[in-house]
Amino acid sequence: MAPLTSRRLAGRRRTLVEPLAGLGPILRASLIERFTQCGKPGCQCLRGEKHGPATYLTVSYPRA
């Protein structure tokens, strides 16, 4: 496989980005799964069987 030059990479990026332009605003976010420990005496989570998963959506907004 031939190495990708800067010009070829830029062209490839344009090809991939063009269809996205019609989508409108895009939310910049991450989906996170967490497992937790409650700390109650005798709970399964203290033996390594944590509670969860709890799913969170974290959103990043651009600076104004």
Protein backbone atom coordinates (compact mmCIF):
# COMPACT_ATOMS: atom_id res chain seq x y z
CA MET A 1 0.00 0.00 0.00
CA ALA A 2 1.39 3.41 -0.99
CA PRO A 3 1.89 5.96 1.78
CA LEU A 4 -0.78 8.65 1.95
CA THR A 5 0.49 12.11 1.10
CA SER A 6 -0.87 15.27 2.70
CA ARG A 7 -2.76 16.11 -0.48
CA ARG A 8 -4.36 12.66 -0.66
CA LEU A 9 -5.30 12.78 3.02
CA ALA A 10 -6.87 16.23 2.60
CA GLY A 11 -8.87 14.98 -0.39
CA ARG A 12 -10.02 11.93 1.52
CA ARG A 13 -11.08 14.11 4.44
CA ARG A 14 -13.10 16.40 2.12
CA THR A 15 -14.83 13.37 0.63
CA LEU A 16 -15.81 12.10 4.08
CA VAL A 17 -16.85 15.51 5.49
CA GLU A 18 -19.03 16.71 2.59
CA PRO A 19 -22.01 14.41 3.33
CA LEU A 20 -21.96 15.55 6.99
CA ALA A 21 -22.53 19.22 6.09
CA GLY A 22 -26.26 18.64 5.57
CA LEU A 23 -26.79 17.20 9.02
CA GLY A 24 -26.81 20.56 10.81
CA PRO A 25 -25.41 21.07 14.31
CA ILE A 26 -23.65 18.07 15.83
CA LEU A 27 -23.57 17.38 19.57
CA ARG A 28 -20.06 16.78 20.86
CA ALA A 29 -20.52 14.16 23.55
CA SER A 30 -19.27 10.92 25.09
CA LEU A 31 -21.29 7.98 26.36
CA ILE A 32 -19.81 6.57 29.58
CA GLU A 33 -20.68 3.42 31.55
CA ARG A 34 -19.71 3.36 35.23
CA PHE A 35 -19.79 0.75 37.97
CA THR A 36 -19.86 1.97 41.58
CA GLN A 37 -19.46 0.85 45.17
CA CYS A 38 -22.00 1.94 47.78
CA GLY A 39 -19.87 1.10 50.82
CA LYS A 40 -22.68 -0.55 52.85
CA PRO A 41 -21.34 -3.25 55.16
CA GLY A 42 -21.85 -6.73 53.71
CA CYS A 43 -22.83 -5.48 50.26
CA GLN A 44 -21.70 -7.43 47.20
CA CYS A 45 -19.90 -4.36 45.87
CA LEU A 46 -17.28 -4.65 48.61
CA ARG A 47 -16.42 -8.12 47.27
CA GLY A 48 -15.81 -6.80 43.77
CA GLU A 49 -19.34 -7.17 42.31
CA LYS A 50 -19.96 -3.48 41.75
CA HIS A 51 -23.35 -1.86 41.09
CA GLY A 52 -24.13 -0.89 37.52
CA PRO A 53 -23.61 -0.20 34.83
CA ALA A 54 -24.97 3.34 35.03
CA THR A 55 -24.85 5.12 31.69
CA TYR A 56 -24.06 8.84 31.44
CA LEU A 57 -23.95 11.22 28.52
CA THR A 58 -21.33 13.96 28.90
CA VAL A 59 -21.62 16.96 26.60
CA SER A 60 -18.86 19.42 25.67
CA TYR A 61 -19.90 22.91 24.59
CA PRO A 62 -17.56 25.19 22.66
CA ARG A 63 -16.26 28.23 24.48
CA ALA A 64 -18.17 31.38 23.70
